[in-house]
C-alpha atoms as a PDB file:
ATOM      1  CA  MET A   1       0.000   0.000   0.000  1.00  0.00           C
ATOM      2  CA  LYS A   2       2.910   2.316   0.743  1.00  0.00           C
ATOM      3  CA  THR A   3       4.273   1.794  -2.774  1.00  0.00           C
ATOM      4  CA  ILE A   4       0.933   2.668  -4.378  1.00  0.00           C
ATOM      5  CA  LYS A   5       0.692   5.872  -2.339  1.00  0.00           C
ATOM      6  CA  ALA A   6       4.244   6.817  -3.318  1.00  0.00           C
ATOM      7  CA  ILE A   7       3.473   6.252  -7.003  1.00  0.00           C
ATOM      8  CA  ILE A   8       0.274   8.320  -6.822  1.00  0.00           C
ATOM      9  CA  TYR A   9       1.932  11.193  -4.941  1.00  0.00           C
ATOM     10  CA  LEU A  10       4.905  11.198  -7.302  1.00  0.00           C
ATOM     11  CA  THR A  11       2.566  11.119 -10.309  1.00  0.00           C
ATOM     12  CA  VAL A  12       0.693  14.195  -9.088  1.00  0.00           C
ATOM     13  CA  LEU A  13       3.919  16.004  -8.234  1.00  0.00           C
ATOM     14  CA  LEU A  14       5.560  15.213 -11.580  1.00  0.00           C
ATOM     15  CA  LEU A  15       2.418  16.207 -13.488  1.00  0.00           C
ATOM     16  CA  ILE A  16       2.315  19.579 -11.745  1.00  0.00           C
ATOM     17  CA  ILE A  17       6.033  20.203 -12.212  1.00  0.00           C
ATOM     18  CA  SER A  18       6.081  19.165 -15.875  1.00  0.00           C
ATOM     19  CA  THR A  19       3.014  21.275 -16.654  1.00  0.00           C
ATOM     20  CA  LEU A  20       4.386  24.361 -14.922  1.00  0.00           C
ATOM     21  CA  ALA A  21       7.847  23.920 -16.450  1.00  0.00           C
ATOM     22  CA  THR A  22       6.564  23.638 -20.027  1.00  0.00           C
ATOM     23  CA  LEU A  23       3.559  25.970 -20.100  1.00  0.00           C
ATOM     24  CA  LYS A  24       3.466  28.799 -22.613  1.00  0.00           C
ATOM     25  CA  LEU A  25       1.652  31.974 -21.596  1.00  0.00           C
ATOM     26  CA  GLU A  26       1.340  34.161 -24.667  1.00  0.00           C
ATOM     27  CA  ALA A  27      -2.373  35.042 -24.630  1.00  0.00           C
ATOM     28  CA  ALA A  28      -1.775  38.515 -23.233  1.00  0.00           C
ATOM     29  CA  SER A  29      -0.227  39.586 -26.542  1.00  0.00           C
ATOM     30  CA  ASP A  30      -2.716  38.120 -29.045  1.00  0.00           C
ATOM     31  CA  GLY A  31      -1.317  34.685 -28.548  1.00  0.00           C
ATOM     32  CA  LEU A  32      -2.011  31.265 -27.205  1.00  0.00           C
ATOM     33  CA  ASP A  33      -1.721  29.771 -23.737  1.00  0.00           C
ATOM     34  CA  GLN A  34      -0.721  26.103 -23.828  1.00  0.00           C
ATOM     35  CA  TYR A  35      -0.577  23.621 -20.961  1.00  0.00           C
ATOM     36  CA  GLY A  36       0.655  20.046 -20.983  1.00  0.00           C
ATOM     37  CA  PHE A  37       3.667  17.832 -21.493  1.00  0.00           C
ATOM     38  CA  PRO A  38       4.310  15.804 -23.661  1.00  0.00           C
ATOM     39  CA  PHE A  39       0.917  16.540 -25.263  1.00  0.00           C
ATOM     40  CA  THR A  40      -0.893  19.863 -24.977  1.00  0.00           C
ATOM     41  CA  PHE A  41      -4.127  19.211 -23.089  1.00  0.00           C
ATOM     42  CA  TYR A  42      -5.364  22.805 -22.791  1.00  0.00           C
ATOM     43  CA  ASP A  43      -5.173  25.695 -25.266  1.00  0.00           C
ATOM     44  CA  SER A  44      -6.578  29.137 -24.672  1.00  0.00           C
ATOM     45  CA  PHE A  45      -6.639  31.756 -27.422  1.00  0.00           C
ATOM     46  CA  SER A  46      -6.966  35.441 -26.687  1.00  0.00           C
ATOM     47  CA  GLY A  47      -6.927  37.922 -29.495  1.00  0.00           C
ATOM     48  CA  LYS A  48      -8.850  40.197 -31.776  1.00  0.00           C
ATOM     49  CA  CYS A  49      -8.986  37.742 -34.651  1.00  0.00           C
ATOM     50  CA  ASP A  50     -11.994  35.545 -35.390  1.00  0.00           C
ATOM     51  CA  ASN A  51     -11.262  31.959 -36.475  1.00  0.00           C
ATOM     52  CA  CYS A  52      -7.498  32.368 -36.085  1.00  0.00           C
ATOM     53  CA  TYR A  53      -7.306  29.328 -33.874  1.00  0.00           C
ATOM     54  CA  GLU A  54     -10.313  27.045 -33.695  1.00  0.00           C
ATOM     55  CA  ASN A  55      -8.981  24.001 -31.870  1.00  0.00           C
ATOM     56  CA  PHE A  56      -8.779  25.429 -28.366  1.00  0.00           C
ATOM     57  CA  GLY A  57     -10.041  24.337 -24.988  1.00  0.00           C
ATOM     58  CA  PHE A  58      -9.567  21.224 -22.900  1.00  0.00           C
ATOM     59  CA  LYS A  59      -8.560  17.974 -24.628  1.00  0.00           C
ATOM     60  CA  PRO A  60      -9.376  15.058 -22.311  1.00  0.00           C
ATOM     61  CA  LEU A  61      -7.572  12.398 -24.361  1.00  0.00           C
ATOM     62  CA  ASN A  62      -4.314  14.374 -24.313  1.00  0.00           C
ATOM     63  CA  PHE A  63      -4.725  14.904 -20.565  1.00  0.00           C
ATOM     64  CA  LEU A  64      -5.144  11.156 -19.987  1.00  0.00           C
ATOM     65  CA  VAL A  65      -2.080  10.421 -22.115  1.00  0.00           C
ATOM     66  CA  ASP A  66      -0.077  12.967 -20.107  1.00  0.00           C
ATOM     67  CA  ILE A  67      -1.221  11.349 -16.848  1.00  0.00           C
ATOM     68  CA  LEU A  68      -0.336   7.890 -18.174  1.00  0.00           C
ATOM     69  CA  PHE A  69       3.112   9.087 -19.285  1.00  0.00           C
ATOM     70  CA  VAL A  70       3.840  10.655 -15.895  1.00  0.00           C
ATOM     71  CA  PHE A  71       2.411   7.613 -14.071  1.00  0.00           C
ATOM     72  CA  CYS A  72       4.796   5.304 -15.952  1.00  0.00           C
ATOM     73  CA  LEU A  73       7.703   7.582 -15.120  1.00  0.00           C
ATOM     74  CA  ALA A  74       6.718   7.656 -11.438  1.00  0.00           C
ATOM     75  CA  PHE A  75       6.311   3.864 -11.411  1.00  0.00           C
ATOM     76  CA  VAL A  76       9.822   3.361 -12.806  1.00  0.00           C
ATOM     77  CA  ILE A  77      11.315   5.835 -10.312  1.00  0.00           C
ATOM     78  CA  VAL A  78       9.648   4.156  -7.328  1.00  0.00           C
ATOM     79  CA  MET A  79      10.584   0.645  -8.488  1.00  0.00           C
ATOM     80  CA  VAL A  80      14.232   1.631  -9.009  1.00  0.00           C
ATOM     81  CA  LYS A  81      14.288   3.240  -5.562  1.00  0.00           C
ATOM     82  CA  ILE A  82      12.821   0.103  -3.980  1.00  0.00           C
ATOM     83  CA  LYS A  83      15.299  -2.127  -5.793  1.00  0.00           C
ATOM     84  CA  PHE A  84      18.325  -0.128  -4.663  1.00  0.00           C
ATOM     85  CA  TYR A  85      16.951   0.289  -1.137  1.00  0.00           C
ATOM     86  CA  ARG A  86      16.456  -3.469  -0.729  1.00  0.00           C
ATOM     87  CA  LYS A  87      19.874  -4.176  -2.198  1.00  0.00           C
ATOM     88  CA  LYS A  88      21.426  -1.758   0.299  1.00  0.00           C
ATOM     89  CA  LEU A  89      19.756  -3.549   3.238  1.00  0.00           C
ATOM     90  CA  SER A  90      21.076  -6.976   2.198  1.00  0.00           C
END
């Protein structure tokens, strides 16, 4: 149970860090805000142009793929830590 909690906490932490580290905030100057790594799961367009960018908003499939990617990364990190920790105790 402790391993599952560690994986979940690390997944949430890595998702927040990766999103904040790779976000693009350009909407203030007729641009596009983009959130998500490795896939953009949220786009927000702010500008004076109609139909300049039509595919904006939340993309649930990209968000799920991002969560899955970060979950796999967290799983590998926790398993490697457990393996080296057990080896150190032996």
